C-alpha cells in the first residue's frame, strides 16, 4: 500500500452524464479508507488558480442522478505552460495532496501525463466522455446516456417525418468518432449512417434512398458532425441535388446529447470506476486509466488510452446495410 493520505478529484474537458456519480464514488471511497478528500473546481484551470476545497460525504449527497459536473469544467491555456503546471503543483502541495483522480477524455489524460512527467504525482484517470473513443474500456462514462438521448430525439423526429413523408438528416456529436452515430443509427432504424471513420459513398447512399422510397414513408439519415461529407447541411444539399422532389429537413441535436440525468448503466459504471480509481492510488498505481472490459476492471496507460479508435465494428456497419431495406 502507498503512503497516500490526501487525494483530490477533478473533471476536465467536455462534461458527460455520470461525472457526478464518479465524483461521489471517489469522495466516499476516499472517506471509507480514511483519506482526506478534496475537490478541484474547473479542472486544470482551478488547479492553477487554487480552486481547491475539502469534500465530505454531505458534499456529494443527492448528486448521483444529476447530469453535468458539480466540480465544473474548463479549458486551461495556463496549464499548457511549464509555469502553469508548476503553479498547479505548488497549490496541490499547499493542501498536502499526494494523489489525483482525473475524470475526462484524451485531453485530460494528455495533461495528466505531462504533469506526472514533470512532478511525479500519482494520477488515475476515469473515462468521462460521451464519445466512447478511449482505448481500455468497453464503454466510457456518459456514452450510454448520450446515445439514449439521441434515440429519444430521433424517435420523435421520425413521428413527424412519417406524418409528412419527409427525409430527415440528423446530425449528432462525434467530431472524431462515429460511435454515437453508428449505435444510435441502428437503434432508430436509420436508412444511412455517415461517420468519420468511413468515407462516404454517395452513389450507394443515393441508391439506398431511392430503393427504400417504395417501402417507407419517411427516411432518416444519421450524420456524425465530423464525417467527411461536411455535416448534415452538406449531406442534405447533395441529396436535394439528386432528388429535388424530396421533402428534406435537417435537425442538429447539438449539446442536448451532453446533458440529462445519467442512465442506470452510466451510474453503475461511474460508481464502479470511482471505487477502483481510489483503490488503485492506494495500491501505488499511477499514469493509468481505469476501465471495464467484459465486466472486469482493467488499467491502461494514458499513452495508449488516448489513441483514438480508428476502426469500427464491421458487424454494426453490416446491420445498417441489412436492416435499412
Protein backbone atom coordinates (compact mmCIF):
# COMPACT_ATOMS: atom_id res chain seq x y z
CA UNK A 1 0.00 0.00 0.00
CA UNK A 2 1.15 3.54 -0.74
CA UNK A 3 1.52 6.37 1.79
CA UNK A 4 -1.22 8.47 0.21
CA UNK A 5 -3.30 10.33 2.78
CA UNK A 6 -4.85 13.20 0.82
CA UNK A 7 -6.44 12.90 -2.60
CA UNK A 8 -8.27 15.27 -4.92
CA UNK A 9 -10.76 14.72 -7.72
CA UNK A 10 -11.49 16.94 -10.72
CA UNK A 11 -13.37 16.89 -14.01
CA UNK A 12 -11.89 18.24 -17.21
CA UNK A 13 -12.80 18.68 -20.87
CA UNK A 14 -16.37 18.22 -22.06
CA UNK A 15 -18.94 17.31 -19.42
CA UNK A 16 -20.64 13.92 -19.57
CA UNK A 17 -23.63 12.39 -17.74
CA UNK A 18 -22.32 10.25 -14.90
CA UNK A 19 -19.44 12.51 -13.92
CA UNK A 20 -21.25 13.40 -10.69
CA UNK A 21 -21.75 9.72 -9.91
CA UNK A 22 -17.98 9.25 -10.38
CA UNK A 23 -17.18 12.22 -8.13
CA UNK A 24 -19.49 10.80 -5.47
CA UNK A 25 -17.82 7.40 -5.68
CA UNK A 26 -14.31 8.85 -5.41
CA UNK A 27 -15.19 11.00 -2.41
CA UNK A 28 -16.99 8.29 -0.49
CA UNK A 29 -14.38 5.65 -1.26
CA UNK A 30 -11.67 8.02 -0.06
CA UNK A 31 -13.57 8.58 3.17
CA UNK A 32 -14.11 4.82 3.53
CA UNK A 33 -10.32 4.41 3.51
CA UNK A 34 -9.86 7.29 5.98
CA UNK A 35 -8.36 9.65 3.42
CA UNK A 36 -8.78 13.40 3.30
CA UNK A 37 -10.59 14.19 0.05
CA UNK A 38 -10.53 17.48 -1.87
CA UNK A 39 -12.37 18.72 -4.91
CA UNK A 40 -10.82 20.93 -7.58
CA UNK A 41 -13.14 23.33 -9.35
CA UNK A 42 -12.95 23.96 -13.11
CA UNK A 43 -10.43 21.23 -13.90
CA UNK A 44 -6.82 22.14 -14.59
CA UNK A 45 -7.70 25.82 -14.59
CA UNK A 46 -8.88 25.57 -10.99
CA UNK A 47 -5.74 23.65 -10.11
CA UNK A 48 -3.61 26.50 -11.45
CA UNK A 49 -5.64 29.15 -9.62
CA UNK A 50 -6.01 27.31 -6.32
CA UNK A 51 -9.71 26.46 -6.51
CA UNK A 52 -9.24 23.53 -4.13
CA UNK A 53 -11.58 22.70 -1.24
CA UNK A 54 -12.29 19.81 1.16
CA UNK A 55 -15.16 17.44 0.42
CA UNK A 56 -17.13 15.16 2.72
CA UNK A 57 -20.00 12.71 2.39
CA UNK A 58 -22.56 15.51 2.60
CA UNK A 59 -20.95 17.44 -0.26
CA UNK A 60 -21.77 14.59 -2.66
CA UNK A 61 -25.22 13.76 -1.32
CA UNK A 62 -28.06 13.65 -3.85
CA UNK A 63 -25.86 14.14 -6.93
CA UNK A 64 -25.76 10.65 -8.45
CA UNK A 65 -28.81 11.42 -10.59
CA UNK A 66 -27.62 14.82 -11.80
CA UNK A 67 -26.10 15.49 -15.21
CA UNK A 68 -23.11 17.75 -15.77
CA UNK A 69 -20.48 18.09 -13.07
CA UNK A 70 -20.75 19.82 -9.70
CA UNK A 71 -17.00 20.49 -9.86
CA UNK A 72 -17.40 22.39 -13.14
CA UNK A 73 -15.02 22.05 -16.05
CA UNK A 74 -12.99 24.44 -18.19
CA UNK A 75 -10.22 24.61 -20.75
CA UNK A 76 -6.91 25.85 -19.36
CA UNK A 77 -4.34 27.55 -21.54
CA UNK A 78 -2.19 28.25 -18.48
CA UNK A 79 -1.87 24.55 -17.63
CA UNK A 80 -0.37 24.02 -21.08
CA UNK A 81 2.68 26.02 -19.94
CA UNK A 82 5.53 24.86 -17.69
CA UNK A 83 4.85 27.80 -15.38
CA UNK A 84 1.16 26.97 -15.12
CA UNK A 85 1.82 23.34 -14.24
CA UNK A 86 4.38 24.43 -11.65
CA UNK A 87 1.80 26.71 -10.04
CA UNK A 88 -0.74 23.88 -10.06
CA UNK A 89 1.74 21.58 -8.34
CA UNK A 90 2.51 24.16 -5.67
CA UNK A 91 -1.20 24.61 -4.97
CA UNK A 92 -1.60 20.85 -4.54
CA UNK A 93 1.38 20.72 -2.19
CA UNK A 94 -0.07 23.56 -0.12
CA UNK A 95 -3.04 21.29 0.55
CA UNK A 96 -0.74 18.26 1.02
CA UNK A 97 -2.48 16.46 -1.82
CA UNK A 98 -0.48 13.41 -2.86
CA UNK A 99 -2.84 11.71 -5.34
CA UNK A 100 -5.32 12.75 -8.03
CA UNK A 101 -8.32 11.24 -9.79
CA UNK A 102 -8.86 12.88 -13.19
CA UNK A 103 -12.24 12.41 -14.86
CA UNK A 104 -12.21 13.25 -18.57
CA UNK A 105 -11.05 12.21 -22.01
CA UNK A 106 -7.92 12.29 -24.15
CA UNK A 107 -7.09 15.96 -23.46
CA UNK A 108 -7.41 15.36 -19.73
CA UNK A 109 -5.11 12.34 -19.86
CA UNK A 110 -2.59 14.13 -22.08
CA UNK A 111 -2.32 16.87 -19.46
CA UNK A 112 -2.09 14.30 -16.69
CA UNK A 113 0.77 12.51 -18.43
CA UNK A 114 2.72 15.75 -18.72
CA UNK A 115 2.02 16.57 -15.07
CA UNK A 116 3.30 13.18 -13.91
CA UNK A 117 6.41 13.55 -16.09
CA UNK A 118 7.30 16.91 -14.54
CA UNK A 119 6.15 16.48 -10.94
CA UNK A 120 5.79 12.73 -10.36
CA UNK A 121 2.37 13.00 -8.71
CA UNK A 122 0.21 9.85 -8.82
CA UNK A 123 -2.84 10.24 -11.09
CA UNK A 124 -5.50 7.71 -12.04
CA UNK A 125 -7.92 8.61 -14.82
CA UNK A 126 -11.59 7.81 -15.28
CA UNK A 127 -13.00 7.77 -18.84
CA UNK A 128 -15.57 10.58 -18.82
CA UNK A 129 -16.65 11.35 -22.40
CA UNK A 130 -19.81 10.77 -24.40
CA UNK A 131 -17.83 9.77 -27.50
CA UNK A 132 -16.70 6.33 -26.23
CA UNK A 133 -13.43 6.86 -28.11
CA UNK A 134 -10.86 5.79 -25.49
CA UNK A 135 -8.89 2.56 -25.61
CA UNK A 136 -9.09 0.42 -22.46
CA UNK A 137 -12.79 0.30 -21.64
CA UNK A 138 -15.86 -1.13 -23.34
CA UNK A 139 -17.84 1.99 -22.55
CA UNK A 140 -16.96 5.46 -21.31
CA UNK A 141 -18.92 7.33 -18.66
CA UNK A 142 -21.69 9.27 -20.42
CA UNK A 143 -21.84 7.30 -23.66
CA UNK A 144 -24.89 5.23 -22.79
CA UNK A 145 -26.88 8.27 -21.70
CA UNK A 146 -25.87 10.21 -24.81
CA UNK A 147 -26.99 7.53 -27.26
CA UNK A 148 -30.28 7.12 -25.41
CA UNK A 149 -30.80 10.89 -25.66
CA UNK A 150 -30.23 10.64 -29.41
CA UNK A 151 -32.65 7.73 -29.70
CA UNK A 152 -35.38 9.58 -27.85
CA UNK A 153 -34.95 12.67 -30.02
CA UNK A 154 -34.83 10.80 -33.33
CA UNK A 155 -37.87 8.69 -32.42
CA UNK A 156 -39.81 11.95 -32.10
CA UNK A 157 -38.35 13.25 -35.35
CA UNK A 158 -39.41 10.00 -37.05
CA UNK A 159 -43.01 10.62 -35.97
CA UNK A 160 -43.20 13.93 -37.81
CA UNK A 161 -41.19 12.59 -40.76
CA UNK A 162 -43.69 9.75 -41.11
CA UNK A 163 -46.61 12.14 -40.99
CA UNK A 164 -45.25 14.30 -43.82
CA UNK A 165 -43.37 11.74 -45.96
CA UNK A 166 -40.11 13.56 -45.27
CA UNK A 167 -36.42 12.76 -45.35
CA UNK A 168 -34.61 13.94 -42.23
CA UNK A 169 -30.85 14.38 -41.95
CA UNK A 170 -29.99 14.36 -38.26
CA UNK A 171 -26.55 15.47 -37.07
CA UNK A 172 -25.19 14.04 -33.82
CA UNK A 173 -21.98 14.69 -31.91
CA UNK A 174 -18.80 12.90 -32.91
CA UNK A 175 -16.13 15.17 -34.37
CA UNK A 176 -13.53 12.40 -34.37
CA UNK A 177 -15.63 9.35 -33.59
CA UNK A 178 -18.78 7.94 -35.14
CA UNK A 179 -19.72 5.59 -32.32
CA UNK A 180 -22.68 7.69 -31.17
CA UNK A 181 -23.99 7.92 -34.73
CA UNK A 182 -23.48 4.23 -35.50
CA UNK A 183 -25.07 2.69 -32.42
CA UNK A 184 -27.89 5.24 -32.29
CA UNK A 185 -28.47 4.85 -36.04
CA UNK A 186 -29.04 1.12 -35.67
CA UNK A 187 -31.36 1.71 -32.72
CA UNK A 188 -33.62 4.17 -34.58
CA UNK A 189 -33.68 2.22 -37.82
CA UNK A 190 -31.79 4.84 -39.81
CA UNK A 191 -31.56 4.29 -43.54
CA UNK A 192 -27.98 5.62 -43.67
CA UNK A 193 -25.30 6.37 -41.10
CA UNK A 194 -22.33 8.60 -42.00
CA UNK A 195 -19.30 8.54 -39.69
CA UNK A 196 -15.73 9.96 -39.78
CA UNK A 197 -14.14 6.51 -39.89
CA UNK A 198 -15.73 5.55 -43.21
CA UNK A 199 -15.50 7.51 -46.46
CA UNK A 200 -18.95 8.49 -47.70
CA UNK A 201 -20.06 6.57 -50.79
CA UNK A 202 -22.63 8.95 -52.18
CA UNK A 203 -23.79 6.75 -55.03
CA UNK A 204 -24.52 3.87 -52.68
CA UNK A 205 -26.37 6.20 -50.32
CA UNK A 206 -28.45 7.67 -53.15
CA UNK A 207 -29.31 4.20 -54.44
CA UNK A 208 -30.42 3.13 -50.98
CA UNK A 209 -32.62 6.19 -50.55
CA UNK A 210 -34.22 5.61 -53.93
CA UNK A 211 -34.69 1.91 -53.26
CA UNK A 212 -36.29 2.39 -49.84
CA UNK A 213 -38.66 5.09 -51.11
CA UNK A 214 -41.14 2.45 -52.21
CA UNK A 215 -41.29 0.79 -48.79
CA UNK A 216 -41.10 3.72 -46.43
CA UNK A 217 -42.98 6.97 -45.99
CA UNK A 218 -40.07 8.51 -44.08
CA UNK A 219 -36.31 8.15 -44.14
CA UNK A 220 -33.74 9.20 -41.52
CA UNK A 221 -30.04 9.70 -42.15
CA UNK A 222 -27.75 9.98 -39.11
CA UNK A 223 -24.60 12.05 -39.65
CA UNK A 224 -21.73 12.40 -37.17
CA UNK A 225 -20.55 16.03 -37.06
CA UNK A 226 -17.03 15.01 -38.09
CA UNK A 227 -17.89 12.96 -41.17
CA UNK A 228 -16.03 13.80 -44.39
CA UNK A 229 -19.25 14.88 -46.11
CA UNK A 230 -19.19 18.20 -44.25
CA UNK A 231 -22.06 17.74 -41.82
CA UNK A 232 -25.83 17.49 -42.07
CA UNK A 233 -26.48 20.53 -44.27
CA UNK A 234 -23.89 19.45 -46.84
CA UNK A 235 -25.39 15.96 -46.95
CA UNK A 236 -28.91 17.35 -47.33
CA UNK A 237 -27.77 19.59 -50.17
CA UNK A 238 -26.25 16.67 -52.07
CA UNK A 239 -29.42 14.63 -51.65
CA UNK A 240 -31.60 17.54 -52.78
CA UNK A 241 -29.50 17.93 -55.91
CA UNK A 242 -30.12 14.29 -56.80
CA UNK A 243 -33.74 14.13 -55.67
CA UNK A 244 -35.21 17.66 -55.89
CA UNK A 245 -38.70 16.32 -55.23
CA UNK A 246 -37.77 15.05 -51.74
CA UNK A 247 -39.24 16.98 -48.81
CA UNK A 248 -35.98 17.45 -46.85
CA UNK A 249 -35.37 18.63 -43.31
CA UNK A 250 -32.18 18.99 -41.24
CA UNK A 251 -32.02 18.64 -37.46
CA UNK A 252 -28.86 19.22 -35.44
CA UNK A 253 -29.20 17.76 -31.96
CA UNK A 254 -26.20 19.60 -30.50
CA UNK A 255 -25.50 19.81 -26.80
CA UNK A 256 -28.66 18.12 -25.58
CA UNK A 257 -26.58 14.97 -26.01
CA UNK A 258 -24.26 16.04 -23.20
CA UNK A 259 -26.97 16.81 -20.66
CA UNK A 260 -29.62 14.97 -18.75
CA UNK A 261 -29.82 12.55 -15.90
CA UNK A 262 -27.38 9.65 -16.38
CA UNK A 263 -28.73 6.23 -17.25
CA UNK A 264 -28.54 3.29 -14.86
CA UNK A 265 -25.60 1.91 -16.85
CA UNK A 266 -23.64 5.16 -16.56
CA UNK A 267 -24.36 5.49 -12.84
CA UNK A 268 -23.15 1.96 -12.12
CA UNK A 269 -20.13 2.30 -14.42
CA UNK A 270 -19.11 5.60 -12.81
CA UNK A 271 -19.59 4.19 -9.33
CA UNK A 272 -17.52 1.09 -10.01
CA UNK A 273 -14.69 3.02 -11.62
CA UNK A 274 -14.66 5.65 -8.87
CA UNK A 275 -14.03 2.97 -6.27
CA UNK A 276 -11.42 1.27 -8.46
CA UNK A 277 -9.57 4.57 -9.02
CA UNK A 278 -9.10 5.32 -5.33
CA UNK A 279 -8.02 1.77 -4.57
CA UNK A 280 -5.55 1.96 -7.46
CA UNK A 281 -3.94 5.06 -5.94
CA UNK A 282 -3.65 3.26 -2.61
CA UNK A 283 -2.01 0.33 -4.39
CA UNK A 284 0.63 2.65 -5.82
CA UNK A 285 -0.60 2.82 -9.42
CA UNK A 286 -0.22 5.99 -11.49
CA UNK A 287 -0.47 7.24 -15.04
CA UNK A 288 -3.26 4.83 -15.94
CA UNK A 289 -6.93 4.98 -16.88
CA UNK A 290 -9.33 2.67 -15.09
CA UNK A 291 -11.88 0.96 -17.32
CA UNK A 292 -14.17 -2.03 -17.58
CA UNK A 293 -13.68 -4.70 -20.24
CA UNK A 294 -16.08 -7.65 -20.22
CA UNK A 295 -17.19 -6.53 -16.76
CA UNK A 296 -13.71 -6.64 -15.24
CA UNK A 297 -11.67 -3.67 -14.05
CA UNK A 298 -8.55 -3.06 -16.15
CA UNK A 299 -5.88 -0.37 -16.27
CA UNK A 300 -4.49 1.18 -19.43
CA UNK A 301 -1.53 3.60 -19.58
CA UNK A 302 -2.59 7.10 -20.57
CA UNK A 303 -0.35 6.92 -23.64
CA UNK A 304 -2.42 4.02 -25.01
CA UNK A 305 -5.83 5.10 -23.77
CA UNK A 306 -5.73 8.41 -25.63
CA UNK A 307 -5.05 6.86 -29.02
CA UNK A 308 -8.30 7.25 -30.92
CA UNK A 309 -10.02 4.11 -32.08
CA UNK A 310 -9.68 4.38 -35.85
CA UNK A 311 -11.80 1.37 -36.74
CA UNK A 312 -15.41 0.49 -36.02
CA UNK A 313 -17.15 -2.81 -35.57
CA UNK A 314 -17.87 -4.11 -39.07
CA UNK A 315 -20.78 -6.15 -37.75
CA UNK A 316 -22.53 -2.94 -36.72
CA UNK A 317 -21.96 -1.47 -40.17
CA UNK A 318 -23.46 -4.59 -41.72
CA UNK A 319 -26.56 -4.20 -39.58
CA UNK A 320 -27.22 -0.78 -41.10
CA UNK A 321 -26.97 -2.21 -44.63
CA UNK A 322 -29.13 -5.24 -43.94
CA UNK A 323 -31.87 -3.62 -41.87
CA UNK A 324 -32.33 -0.41 -43.85
CA UNK A 325 -34.23 -2.06 -46.72
